[in-house]
mmCIF file of all heavy atoms, coordinates in Angstrom:
data_MODEL
# 
_entry.id   MODEL 
# 
loop_
_atom_site.group_PDB 
_atom_site.id 
_atom_site.type_symbol 
_atom_site.label_atom_id 
_atom_site.label_alt_id 
_atom_site.label_comp_id 
_atom_site.label_asym_id 
_atom_site.label_entity_id 
_atom_site.label_seq_id 
_atom_site.pdbx_PDB_ins_code 
_atom_site.Cartn_x 
_atom_site.Cartn_y 
_atom_site.Cartn_z 
_atom_site.occupancy 
_atom_site.B_iso_or_equiv 
_atom_site.pdbx_formal_charge 
_atom_site.auth_seq_id 
_atom_site.auth_comp_id 
_atom_site.auth_asym_id 
_atom_site.auth_atom_id 
_atom_site.pdbx_PDB_model_num 
ATOM 1   N N   . ARG A 1 1  ? 12.726  -13.905 10.087  1.00 0.00 ? 1  ARG A N   1 
ATOM 2   C CA  . ARG A 1 1  ? 14.143  -13.513 10.159  1.00 0.00 ? 1  ARG A CA  1 
ATOM 3   C C   . ARG A 1 1  ? 14.403  -12.617 11.369  1.00 0.00 ? 1  ARG A C   1 
ATOM 4   O O   . ARG A 1 1  ? 15.517  -12.597 11.894  1.00 0.00 ? 1  ARG A O   1 
ATOM 5   C CB  . ARG A 1 1  ? 14.566  -12.810 8.867   1.00 0.00 ? 1  ARG A CB  1 
ATOM 6   C CG  . ARG A 1 1  ? 14.692  -13.748 7.680   1.00 0.00 ? 1  ARG A CG  1 
ATOM 7   C CD  . ARG A 1 1  ? 15.221  -13.053 6.455   1.00 0.00 ? 1  ARG A CD  1 
ATOM 8   N NE  . ARG A 1 1  ? 16.545  -12.459 6.675   1.00 0.00 ? 1  ARG A NE  1 
ATOM 9   C CZ  . ARG A 1 1  ? 17.244  -11.863 5.718   1.00 0.00 ? 1  ARG A CZ  1 
ATOM 10  N NH1 . ARG A 1 1  ? 16.769  -11.786 4.485   1.00 0.00 ? 1  ARG A NH1 1 
ATOM 11  N NH2 . ARG A 1 1  ? 18.422  -11.342 5.973   1.00 0.00 ? 1  ARG A NH2 1 
ATOM 12  N N   . LEU A 1 2  ? 13.379  -11.880 11.798  1.00 0.00 ? 2  LEU A N   1 
ATOM 13  C CA  . LEU A 1 2  ? 13.510  -11.027 12.979  1.00 0.00 ? 2  LEU A CA  1 
ATOM 14  C C   . LEU A 1 2  ? 13.260  -11.794 14.278  1.00 0.00 ? 2  LEU A C   1 
ATOM 15  O O   . LEU A 1 2  ? 13.238  -11.193 15.351  1.00 0.00 ? 2  LEU A O   1 
ATOM 16  C CB  . LEU A 1 2  ? 12.537  -9.853  12.883  1.00 0.00 ? 2  LEU A CB  1 
ATOM 17  C CG  . LEU A 1 2  ? 12.860  -8.767  11.844  1.00 0.00 ? 2  LEU A CG  1 
ATOM 18  C CD1 . LEU A 1 2  ? 11.677  -7.832  11.653  1.00 0.00 ? 2  LEU A CD1 1 
ATOM 19  C CD2 . LEU A 1 2  ? 14.107  -7.980  12.256  1.00 0.00 ? 2  LEU A CD2 1 
ATOM 20  N N   . LYS A 1 3  ? 13.051  -13.104 14.161  1.00 0.00 ? 3  LYS A N   1 
ATOM 21  C CA  . LYS A 1 3  ? 12.782  -13.960 15.332  1.00 0.00 ? 3  LYS A CA  1 
ATOM 22  C C   . LYS A 1 3  ? 11.459  -13.593 16.012  1.00 0.00 ? 3  LYS A C   1 
ATOM 23  O O   . LYS A 1 3  ? 11.295  -13.796 17.207  1.00 0.00 ? 3  LYS A O   1 
ATOM 24  C CB  . LYS A 1 3  ? 13.924  -13.886 16.355  1.00 0.00 ? 3  LYS A CB  1 
ATOM 25  C CG  . LYS A 1 3  ? 15.315  -14.090 15.767  1.00 0.00 ? 3  LYS A CG  1 
ATOM 26  C CD  . LYS A 1 3  ? 15.462  -15.453 15.123  1.00 0.00 ? 3  LYS A CD  1 
ATOM 27  C CE  . LYS A 1 3  ? 16.888  -15.663 14.603  1.00 0.00 ? 3  LYS A CE  1 
ATOM 28  N NZ  . LYS A 1 3  ? 17.032  -16.939 13.844  1.00 0.00 ? 3  LYS A NZ  1 
ATOM 29  N N   . ARG A 1 4  ? 10.515  -13.077 15.247  1.00 0.00 ? 4  ARG A N   1 
ATOM 30  C CA  . ARG A 1 4  ? 9.185   -12.742 15.776  1.00 0.00 ? 4  ARG A CA  1 
ATOM 31  C C   . ARG A 1 4  ? 8.206   -13.782 15.236  1.00 0.00 ? 4  ARG A C   1 
ATOM 32  O O   . ARG A 1 4  ? 7.409   -13.529 14.341  1.00 0.00 ? 4  ARG A O   1 
ATOM 33  C CB  . ARG A 1 4  ? 8.814   -11.315 15.366  1.00 0.00 ? 4  ARG A CB  1 
ATOM 34  C CG  . ARG A 1 4  ? 9.700   -10.282 16.043  1.00 0.00 ? 4  ARG A CG  1 
ATOM 35  C CD  . ARG A 1 4  ? 9.763   -8.937  15.321  1.00 0.00 ? 4  ARG A CD  1 
ATOM 36  N NE  . ARG A 1 4  ? 8.490   -8.249  15.265  1.00 0.00 ? 4  ARG A NE  1 
ATOM 37  C CZ  . ARG A 1 4  ? 8.337   -7.023  14.762  1.00 0.00 ? 4  ARG A CZ  1 
ATOM 38  N NH1 . ARG A 1 4  ? 9.411   -6.365  14.314  1.00 0.00 ? 4  ARG A NH1 1 
ATOM 39  N NH2 . ARG A 1 4  ? 7.157   -6.462  14.711  1.00 0.00 ? 4  ARG A NH2 1 
ATOM 40  N N   . GLU A 1 5  ? 8.306   -14.983 15.788  1.00 0.00 ? 5  GLU A N   1 
ATOM 41  C CA  . GLU A 1 5  ? 7.646   -16.152 15.204  1.00 0.00 ? 5  GLU A CA  1 
ATOM 42  C C   . GLU A 1 5  ? 6.126   -16.070 15.250  1.00 0.00 ? 5  GLU A C   1 
ATOM 43  O O   . GLU A 1 5  ? 5.448   -16.485 14.299  1.00 0.00 ? 5  GLU A O   1 
ATOM 44  C CB  . GLU A 1 5  ? 8.116   -17.421 15.914  1.00 0.00 ? 5  GLU A CB  1 
ATOM 45  C CG  . GLU A 1 5  ? 7.652   -18.706 15.248  1.00 0.00 ? 5  GLU A CG  1 
ATOM 46  C CD  . GLU A 1 5  ? 8.144   -18.855 13.810  1.00 0.00 ? 5  GLU A CD  1 
ATOM 47  O OE1 . GLU A 1 5  ? 9.211   -18.284 13.466  1.00 0.00 ? 5  GLU A OE1 1 
ATOM 48  O OE2 . GLU A 1 5  ? 7.446   -19.526 13.021  1.00 0.00 ? 5  GLU A OE2 1 
ATOM 49  N N   . GLU A 1 6  ? 5.555   -15.532 16.323  1.00 0.00 ? 6  GLU A N   1 
ATOM 50  C CA  . GLU A 1 6  ? 4.100   -15.448 16.392  1.00 0.00 ? 6  GLU A CA  1 
ATOM 51  C C   . GLU A 1 6  ? 3.550   -14.540 15.297  1.00 0.00 ? 6  GLU A C   1 
ATOM 52  O O   . GLU A 1 6  ? 2.522   -14.861 14.676  1.00 0.00 ? 6  GLU A O   1 
ATOM 53  C CB  . GLU A 1 6  ? 3.661   -14.965 17.770  1.00 0.00 ? 6  GLU A CB  1 
ATOM 54  C CG  . GLU A 1 6  ? 3.830   -16.005 18.866  1.00 0.00 ? 6  GLU A CG  1 
ATOM 55  C CD  . GLU A 1 6  ? 3.242   -15.528 20.183  1.00 0.00 ? 6  GLU A CD  1 
ATOM 56  O OE1 . GLU A 1 6  ? 2.166   -14.901 20.169  1.00 0.00 ? 6  GLU A OE1 1 
ATOM 57  O OE2 . GLU A 1 6  ? 3.865   -15.790 21.226  1.00 0.00 ? 6  GLU A OE2 1 
ATOM 58  N N   . GLU A 1 7  ? 4.232   -13.431 15.064  1.00 0.00 ? 7  GLU A N   1 
ATOM 59  C CA  . GLU A 1 7  ? 3.797   -12.526 13.997  1.00 0.00 ? 7  GLU A CA  1 
ATOM 60  C C   . GLU A 1 7  ? 3.994   -13.174 12.636  1.00 0.00 ? 7  GLU A C   1 
ATOM 61  O O   . GLU A 1 7  ? 3.177   -12.988 11.717  1.00 0.00 ? 7  GLU A O   1 
ATOM 62  C CB  . GLU A 1 7  ? 4.553   -11.206 14.102  1.00 0.00 ? 7  GLU A CB  1 
ATOM 63  C CG  . GLU A 1 7  ? 4.148   -10.371 15.301  1.00 0.00 ? 7  GLU A CG  1 
ATOM 64  C CD  . GLU A 1 7  ? 5.144   -9.262  15.596  1.00 0.00 ? 7  GLU A CD  1 
ATOM 65  O OE1 . GLU A 1 7  ? 6.252   -9.564  16.079  1.00 0.00 ? 7  GLU A OE1 1 
ATOM 66  O OE2 . GLU A 1 7  ? 4.785   -8.102  15.338  1.00 0.00 ? 7  GLU A OE2 1 
ATOM 67  N N   . ALA A 1 8  ? 5.063   -13.932 12.483  1.00 0.00 ? 8  ALA A N   1 
ATOM 68  C CA  . ALA A 1 8  ? 5.294   -14.645 11.226  1.00 0.00 ? 8  ALA A CA  1 
ATOM 69  C C   . ALA A 1 8  ? 4.162   -15.629 10.957  1.00 0.00 ? 8  ALA A C   1 
ATOM 70  O O   . ALA A 1 8  ? 3.609   -15.683 9.844   1.00 0.00 ? 8  ALA A O   1 
ATOM 71  C CB  . ALA A 1 8  ? 6.636   -15.371 11.272  1.00 0.00 ? 8  ALA A CB  1 
ATOM 72  N N   . GLN A 1 9  ? 3.792   -16.398 11.977  1.00 0.00 ? 9  GLN A N   1 
ATOM 73  C CA  . GLN A 1 9  ? 2.721   -17.372 11.806  1.00 0.00 ? 9  GLN A CA  1 
ATOM 74  C C   . GLN A 1 9  ? 1.383   -16.691 11.523  1.00 0.00 ? 9  GLN A C   1 
ATOM 75  O O   . GLN A 1 9  ? 0.563   -17.208 10.756  1.00 0.00 ? 9  GLN A O   1 
ATOM 76  C CB  . GLN A 1 9  ? 2.611   -18.246 13.061  1.00 0.00 ? 9  GLN A CB  1 
ATOM 77  C CG  . GLN A 1 9  ? 3.764   -19.216 13.235  1.00 0.00 ? 9  GLN A CG  1 
ATOM 78  C CD  . GLN A 1 9  ? 3.899   -20.171 12.059  1.00 0.00 ? 9  GLN A CD  1 
ATOM 79  O OE1 . GLN A 1 9  ? 2.914   -20.698 11.550  1.00 0.00 ? 9  GLN A OE1 1 
ATOM 80  N NE2 . GLN A 1 9  ? 5.126   -20.396 11.616  1.00 0.00 ? 9  GLN A NE2 1 
ATOM 81  N N   . ARG A 1 10 ? 1.169   -15.527 12.116  1.00 0.00 ? 10 ARG A N   1 
ATOM 82  C CA  . ARG A 1 10 ? -0.059  -14.773 11.851  1.00 0.00 ? 10 ARG A CA  1 
ATOM 83  C C   . ARG A 1 10 ? -0.146  -14.387 10.370  1.00 0.00 ? 10 ARG A C   1 
ATOM 84  O O   . ARG A 1 10 ? -1.196  -14.517 9.741   1.00 0.00 ? 10 ARG A O   1 
ATOM 85  C CB  . ARG A 1 10 ? -0.094  -13.510 12.724  1.00 0.00 ? 10 ARG A CB  1 
ATOM 86  C CG  . ARG A 1 10 ? -1.347  -12.650 12.535  1.00 0.00 ? 10 ARG A CG  1 
ATOM 87  C CD  . ARG A 1 10 ? -1.142  -11.292 13.173  1.00 0.00 ? 10 ARG A CD  1 
ATOM 88  N NE  . ARG A 1 10 ? -0.091  -10.541 12.500  1.00 0.00 ? 10 ARG A NE  1 
ATOM 89  C CZ  . ARG A 1 10 ? 0.625   -9.559  13.053  1.00 0.00 ? 10 ARG A CZ  1 
ATOM 90  N NH1 . ARG A 1 10 ? 0.427   -9.233  14.320  1.00 0.00 ? 10 ARG A NH1 1 
ATOM 91  N NH2 . ARG A 1 10 ? 1.541   -8.924  12.363  1.00 0.00 ? 10 ARG A NH2 1 
ATOM 92  N N   . GLU A 1 11 ? 0.977   -13.917 9.814   1.00 0.00 ? 11 GLU A N   1 
ATOM 93  C CA  . GLU A 1 11 ? 0.984   -13.522 8.411   1.00 0.00 ? 11 GLU A CA  1 
ATOM 94  C C   . GLU A 1 11 ? 0.838   -14.721 7.489   1.00 0.00 ? 11 GLU A C   1 
ATOM 95  O O   . GLU A 1 11 ? 0.117   -14.663 6.480   1.00 0.00 ? 11 GLU A O   1 
ATOM 96  C CB  . GLU A 1 11 ? 2.274   -12.754 8.085   1.00 0.00 ? 11 GLU A CB  1 
ATOM 97  C CG  . GLU A 1 11 ? 2.408   -11.424 8.804   1.00 0.00 ? 11 GLU A CG  1 
ATOM 98  C CD  . GLU A 1 11 ? 1.318   -10.421 8.463   1.00 0.00 ? 11 GLU A CD  1 
ATOM 99  O OE1 . GLU A 1 11 ? 0.743   -10.515 7.351   1.00 0.00 ? 11 GLU A OE1 1 
ATOM 100 O OE2 . GLU A 1 11 ? 1.025   -9.556  9.297   1.00 0.00 ? 11 GLU A OE2 1 
ATOM 101 N N   . TYR A 1 12 ? 1.510   -15.818 7.804   1.00 0.00 ? 12 TYR A N   1 
ATOM 102 C CA  . TYR A 1 12 ? 1.369   -17.026 6.985   1.00 0.00 ? 12 TYR A CA  1 
ATOM 103 C C   . TYR A 1 12 ? -0.072  -17.535 7.014   1.00 0.00 ? 12 TYR A C   1 
ATOM 104 O O   . TYR A 1 12 ? -0.612  -17.982 5.993   1.00 0.00 ? 12 TYR A O   1 
ATOM 105 C CB  . TYR A 1 12 ? 2.315   -18.119 7.480   1.00 0.00 ? 12 TYR A CB  1 
ATOM 106 C CG  . TYR A 1 12 ? 3.777   -17.859 7.199   1.00 0.00 ? 12 TYR A CG  1 
ATOM 107 C CD1 . TYR A 1 12 ? 4.753   -18.172 8.148   1.00 0.00 ? 12 TYR A CD1 1 
ATOM 108 C CD2 . TYR A 1 12 ? 4.199   -17.315 5.985   1.00 0.00 ? 12 TYR A CD2 1 
ATOM 109 C CE1 . TYR A 1 12 ? 6.100   -17.945 7.894   1.00 0.00 ? 12 TYR A CE1 1 
ATOM 110 C CE2 . TYR A 1 12 ? 5.534   -17.080 5.726   1.00 0.00 ? 12 TYR A CE2 1 
ATOM 111 C CZ  . TYR A 1 12 ? 6.490   -17.406 6.693   1.00 0.00 ? 12 TYR A CZ  1 
ATOM 112 O OH  . TYR A 1 12 ? 7.822   -17.177 6.431   1.00 0.00 ? 12 TYR A OH  1 
ATOM 113 N N   . SER A 1 13 ? -0.694  -17.481 8.193   1.00 0.00 ? 13 SER A N   1 
ATOM 114 C CA  . SER A 1 13 ? -2.080  -17.909 8.309   1.00 0.00 ? 13 SER A CA  1 
ATOM 115 C C   . SER A 1 13 ? -3.003  -17.015 7.481   1.00 0.00 ? 13 SER A C   1 
ATOM 116 O O   . SER A 1 13 ? -3.924  -17.508 6.805   1.00 0.00 ? 13 SER A O   1 
ATOM 117 C CB  . SER A 1 13 ? -2.502  -17.879 9.780   1.00 0.00 ? 13 SER A CB  1 
ATOM 118 O OG  . SER A 1 13 ? -3.855  -18.236 9.923   1.00 0.00 ? 13 SER A OG  1 
ATOM 119 N N   . ALA A 1 14 ? -2.742  -15.705 7.505   1.00 0.00 ? 14 ALA A N   1 
ATOM 120 C CA  . ALA A 1 14 ? -3.544  -14.776 6.702   1.00 0.00 ? 14 ALA A CA  1 
ATOM 121 C C   . ALA A 1 14 ? -3.368  -15.060 5.215   1.00 0.00 ? 14 ALA A C   1 
ATOM 122 O O   . ALA A 1 14 ? -4.333  -15.009 4.443   1.00 0.00 ? 14 ALA A O   1 
ATOM 123 C CB  . ALA A 1 14 ? -3.144  -13.340 7.021   1.00 0.00 ? 14 ALA A CB  1 
ATOM 124 N N   . ALA A 1 15 ? -2.136  -15.377 4.799   1.00 0.00 ? 15 ALA A N   1 
ATOM 125 C CA  . ALA A 1 15 ? -1.879  -15.709 3.397   1.00 0.00 ? 15 ALA A CA  1 
ATOM 126 C C   . ALA A 1 15 ? -2.679  -16.938 2.986   1.00 0.00 ? 15 ALA A C   1 
ATOM 127 O O   . ALA A 1 15 ? -3.298  -16.975 1.909   1.00 0.00 ? 15 ALA A O   1 
ATOM 128 C CB  . ALA A 1 15 ? -0.393  -15.944 3.177   1.00 0.00 ? 15 ALA A CB  1 
ATOM 129 N N   . ARG A 1 16 ? -2.694  -17.957 3.850   1.00 0.00 ? 16 ARG A N   1 
ATOM 130 C CA  . ARG A 1 16 ? -3.444  -19.178 3.538   1.00 0.00 ? 16 ARG A CA  1 
ATOM 131 C C   . ARG A 1 16 ? -4.942  -18.887 3.408   1.00 0.00 ? 16 ARG A C   1 
ATOM 132 O O   . ARG A 1 16 ? -5.613  -19.428 2.522   1.00 0.00 ? 16 ARG A O   1 
ATOM 133 C CB  . ARG A 1 16 ? -3.222  -20.231 4.626   1.00 0.00 ? 16 ARG A CB  1 
ATOM 134 C CG  . ARG A 1 16 ? -1.836  -20.837 4.614   1.00 0.00 ? 16 ARG A CG  1 
ATOM 135 C CD  . ARG A 1 16 ? -1.703  -21.979 5.606   1.00 0.00 ? 16 ARG A CD  1 
ATOM 136 N NE  . ARG A 1 16 ? -0.321  -22.422 5.675   1.00 0.00 ? 16 ARG A NE  1 
ATOM 137 C CZ  . ARG A 1 16 ? 0.579   -21.958 6.536   1.00 0.00 ? 16 ARG A CZ  1 
ATOM 138 N NH1 . ARG A 1 16 ? 0.226   -21.034 7.424   1.00 0.00 ? 16 ARG A NH1 1 
ATOM 139 N NH2 . ARG A 1 16 ? 1.820   -22.401 6.507   1.00 0.00 ? 16 ARG A NH2 1 
ATOM 140 N N   . GLN A 1 17 ? -5.457  -18.057 4.281   1.00 0.00 ? 17 GLN A N   1 
ATOM 141 C CA  . GLN A 1 17 ? -6.887  -17.739 4.234   1.00 0.00 ? 17 GLN A CA  1 
ATOM 142 C C   . GLN A 1 17 ? -7.243  -17.049 2.920   1.00 0.00 ? 17 GLN A C   1 
ATOM 143 O O   . GLN A 1 17 ? -8.267  -17.355 2.301   1.00 0.00 ? 17 GLN A O   1 
ATOM 144 C CB  . GLN A 1 17 ? -7.268  -16.867 5.426   1.00 0.00 ? 17 GLN A CB  1 
ATOM 145 C CG  . GLN A 1 17 ? -7.229  -17.592 6.764   1.00 0.00 ? 17 GLN A CG  1 
ATOM 146 C CD  . GLN A 1 17 ? -7.499  -16.662 7.935   1.00 0.00 ? 17 GLN A CD  1 
ATOM 147 O OE1 . GLN A 1 17 ? -7.954  -15.538 7.759   1.00 0.00 ? 17 GLN A OE1 1 
ATOM 148 N NE2 . GLN A 1 17 ? -7.200  -17.128 9.134   1.00 0.00 ? 17 GLN A NE2 1 
ATOM 149 N N   . VAL A 1 18 ? -6.399  -16.104 2.491   1.00 0.00 ? 18 VAL A N   1 
ATOM 150 C CA  . VAL A 1 18 ? -6.662  -15.394 1.230   1.00 0.00 ? 18 VAL A CA  1 
ATOM 151 C C   . VAL A 1 18 ? -6.563  -16.361 0.059   1.00 0.00 ? 18 VAL A C   1 
ATOM 152 O O   . VAL A 1 18 ? -7.414  -16.353 -0.849  1.00 0.00 ? 18 VAL A O   1 
ATOM 153 C CB  . VAL A 1 18 ? -5.681  -14.220 1.051   1.00 0.00 ? 18 VAL A CB  1 
ATOM 154 C CG1 . VAL A 1 18 ? -5.891  -13.555 -0.310  1.00 0.00 ? 18 VAL A CG1 1 
ATOM 155 C CG2 . VAL A 1 18 ? -5.857  -13.191 2.160   1.00 0.00 ? 18 VAL A CG2 1 
ATOM 156 N N   . ILE A 1 19 ? -5.538  -17.211 0.058   1.00 0.00 ? 19 ILE A N   1 
ATOM 157 C CA  . ILE A 1 19 ? -5.362  -18.183 -1.021  1.00 0.00 ? 19 ILE A CA  1 
ATOM 158 C C   . ILE A 1 19 ? -6.569  -19.104 -1.131  1.00 0.00 ? 19 ILE A C   1 
ATOM 159 O O   . ILE A 1 19 ? -7.095  -19.349 -2.225  1.00 0.00 ? 19 ILE A O   1 
ATOM 160 C CB  . ILE A 1 19 ? -4.074  -19.007 -0.793  1.00 0.00 ? 19 ILE A CB  1 
ATOM 161 C CG1 . ILE A 1 19 ? -2.837  -18.132 -1.018  1.00 0.00 ? 19 ILE A CG1 1 
ATOM 162 C CG2 . ILE A 1 19 ? -4.031  -20.227 -1.726  1.00 0.00 ? 19 ILE A CG2 1 
ATOM 163 C CD1 . ILE A 1 19 ? -1.543  -18.760 -0.527  1.00 0.00 ? 19 ILE A CD1 1 
ATOM 164 N N   . GLU A 1 20 ? -7.024  -19.617 0.001   1.00 0.00 ? 20 GLU A N   1 
ATOM 165 C CA  . GLU A 1 20 ? -8.155  -20.549 -0.013  1.00 0.00 ? 20 GLU A CA  1 
ATOM 166 C C   . GLU A 1 20 ? -9.445  -19.859 -0.459  1.00 0.00 ? 20 GLU A C   1 
ATOM 167 O O   . GLU A 1 20 ? -10.263 -20.457 -1.177  1.00 0.00 ? 20 GLU A O   1 
ATOM 168 C CB  . GLU A 1 20 ? -8.314  -21.177 1.371   1.00 0.00 ? 20 GLU A CB  1 
ATOM 169 C CG  . GLU A 1 20 ? -7.184  -22.159 1.696   1.00 0.00 ? 20 GLU A CG  1 
ATOM 170 C CD  . GLU A 1 20 ? -7.140  -22.554 3.162   1.00 0.00 ? 20 GLU A CD  1 
ATOM 171 O OE1 . GLU A 1 20 ? -7.975  -22.037 3.947   1.00 0.00 ? 20 GLU A OE1 1 
ATOM 172 O OE2 . GLU A 1 20 ? -6.273  -23.365 3.521   1.00 0.00 ? 20 GLU A OE2 1 
ATOM 173 N N   . ALA A 1 21 ? -9.629  -18.610 -0.057  1.00 0.00 ? 21 ALA A N   1 
ATOM 174 C CA  . ALA A 1 21 ? -10.813 -17.868 -0.495  1.00 0.00 ? 21 ALA A CA  1 
ATOM 175 C C   . ALA A 1 21 ? -10.769 -17.613 -1.997  1.00 0.00 ? 21 ALA A C   1 
ATOM 176 O O   . ALA A 1 21 ? -11.789 -17.734 -2.692  1.00 0.00 ? 21 ALA A O   1 
ATOM 177 C CB  . ALA A 1 21 ? -10.909 -16.545 0.263   1.00 0.00 ? 21 ALA A CB  1 
ATOM 178 N N   . LEU A 1 22 ? -9.595  -17.269 -2.519  1.00 0.00 ? 22 LEU A N   1 
ATOM 179 C CA  . LEU A 1 22 ? -9.456  -17.052 -3.953  1.00 0.00 ? 22 LEU A CA  1 
ATOM 180 C C   . LEU A 1 22 ? -9.688  -18.345 -4.721  1.00 0.00 ? 22 LEU A C   1 
ATOM 181 O O   . LEU A 1 22 ? -10.365 -18.358 -5.754  1.00 0.00 ? 22 LEU A O   1 
ATOM 182 C CB  . LEU A 1 22 ? -8.064  -16.497 -4.267  1.00 0.00 ? 22 LEU A CB  1 
ATOM 183 C CG  . LEU A 1 22 ? -7.804  -15.055 -3.842  1.00 0.00 ? 22 LEU A CG  1 
ATOM 184 C CD1 . LEU A 1 22 ? -6.327  -14.711 -3.960  1.00 0.00 ? 22 LEU A CD1 1 
ATOM 185 C CD2 . LEU A 1 22 ? -8.637  -14.087 -4.672  1.00 0.00 ? 22 LEU A CD2 1 
ATOM 186 N N   . ALA A 1 23 ? -9.120  -19.431 -4.222  1.00 0.00 ? 23 ALA A N   1 
ATOM 187 C CA  . ALA A 1 23 ? -9.287  -20.726 -4.899  1.00 0.00 ? 23 ALA A CA  1 
ATOM 188 C C   . ALA A 1 23 ? -10.754 -21.111 -4.981  1.00 0.00 ? 23 ALA A C   1 
ATOM 189 O O   . ALA A 1 23 ? -11.214 -21.664 -5.990  1.00 0.00 ? 23 ALA A O   1 
ATOM 190 C CB  . ALA A 1 23 ? -8.493  -21.804 -4.168  1.00 0.00 ? 23 ALA A CB  1 
ATOM 191 N N   . ALA A 1 24 ? -11.508 -20.808 -3.943  1.00 0.00 ? 24 ALA A N   1 
ATOM 192 C CA  . ALA A 1 24 ? -12.932 -21.142 -3.925  1.00 0.00 ? 24 ALA A CA  1 
ATOM 193 C C   . ALA A 1 24 ? -13.708 -20.387 -5.001  1.00 0.00 ? 24 ALA A C   1 
ATOM 194 O O   . ALA A 1 24 ? -14.807 -20.800 -5.389  1.00 0.00 ? 24 ALA A O   1 
ATOM 195 C CB  . ALA A 1 24 ? -13.520 -20.850 -2.549  1.00 0.00 ? 24 ALA A CB  1 
ATOM 196 N N   . SER A 1 25 ? -13.156 -19.280 -5.490  1.00 0.00 ? 25 SER A N   1 
ATOM 197 C CA  . SER A 1 25 ? -13.837 -18.475 -6.509  1.00 0.00 ? 25 SER A CA  1 
ATOM 198 C C   . SER A 1 25 ? -13.475 -18.895 -7.930  1.00 0.00 ? 25 SER A C   1 
ATOM 199 O O   . SER A 1 25 ? -14.004 -18.339 -8.896  1.00 0.00 ? 25 SER A O   1 
ATOM 200 C CB  . SER A 1 25 ? -13.489 -16.989 -6.315  1.00 0.00 ? 25 SER A CB  1 
ATOM 201 O OG  . SER A 1 25 ? -12.148 -16.736 -6.705  1.00 0.00 ? 25 SER A OG  1 
ATOM 202 N N   . ILE A 1 26 ? -12.562 -19.858 -8.084  1.00 0.00 ? 26 ILE A N   1 
ATOM 203 C CA  . ILE A 1 26 ? -12.113 -20.297 -9.415  1.00 0.00 ? 26 ILE A CA  1 
ATOM 204 C C   . ILE A 1 26 ? -12.949 -21.500 -9.831  1.00 0.00 ? 26 ILE A C   1 
ATOM 205 O O   . ILE A 1 26 ? -12.873 -22.565 -9.220  1.00 0.00 ? 26 ILE A O   1 
ATOM 206 C CB  . ILE A 1 26 ? -10.612 -20.660 -9.394  1.00 0.00 ? 26 ILE A CB  1 
ATOM 207 C CG1 . ILE A 1 26 ? -9.784  -19.451 -8.934  1.00 0.00 ? 26 ILE A CG1 1 
ATOM 208 C CG2 . ILE A 1 26 ? -10.154 -21.125 -10.772 1.00 0.00 ? 26 ILE A CG2 1 
ATOM 209 C CD1 . ILE A 1 26 ? -8.333  -19.776 -8.647  1.00 0.00 ? 26 ILE A CD1 1 
ATOM 210 N N   . ASP A 1 27 ? -13.729 -21.354 -10.886 1.00 0.00 ? 27 ASP A N   1 
ATOM 211 C CA  . ASP A 1 27 ? -14.673 -22.403 -11.284 1.00 0.00 ? 27 ASP A CA  1 
ATOM 212 C C   . ASP A 1 27 ? -13.980 -23.609 -11.923 1.00 0.00 ? 27 ASP A C   1 
ATOM 213 O O   . ASP A 1 27 ? -14.358 -24.753 -11.662 1.00 0.00 ? 27 ASP A O   1 
ATOM 214 C CB  . ASP A 1 27 ? -15.707 -21.844 -12.265 1.00 0.00 ? 27 ASP A CB  1 
ATOM 215 C CG  . ASP A 1 27 ? -16.631 -20.821 -11.606 1.00 0.00 ? 27 ASP A CG  1 
ATOM 216 O OD1 . ASP A 1 27 ? -16.855 -20.937 -10.387 1.00 0.00 ? 27 ASP A OD1 1 
ATOM 217 O OD2 . ASP A 1 27 ? -17.101 -19.907 -12.300 1.00 0.00 ? 27 ASP A OD2 1 
ATOM 218 N N   . GLU A 1 28 ? -12.995 -23.362 -12.773 1.00 0.00 ? 28 GLU A N   1 
ATOM 219 C CA  . GLU A 1 28 ? -12.374 -24.462 -13.505 1.00 0.00 ? 28 GLU A CA  1 
ATOM 220 C C   . GLU A 1 28 ? -11.462 -25.268 -12.586 1.00 0.00 ? 28 GLU A C   1 
ATOM 221 O O   . GLU A 1 28 ? -10.528 -24.728 -11.985 1.00 0.00 ? 28 GLU A O   1 
ATOM 222 C CB  . GLU A 1 28 ? -11.578 -23.922 -14.695 1.00 0.00 ? 28 GLU A CB  1 
ATOM 223 C CG  . GLU A 1 28 ? -11.068 -25.015 -15.613 1.00 0.00 ? 28 GLU A CG  1 
ATOM 224 C CD  . GLU A 1 28 ? -10.427 -24.459 -16.872 1.00 0.00 ? 28 GLU A CD  1 
ATOM 225 O OE1 . GLU A 1 28 ? -10.890 -23.399 -17.350 1.00 0.00 ? 28 GLU A OE1 1 
ATOM 226 O OE2 . GLU A 1 28 ? -9.477  -25.083 -17.362 1.00 0.00 ? 28 GLU A OE2 1 
# 
């Protein structure tokens, strides 16, 4: 919303990394 797209993409990428790491820890 602040038109700071590179920073936005950095945060979205970090979110994806955390999500994927958490998913890898779920056995079921």
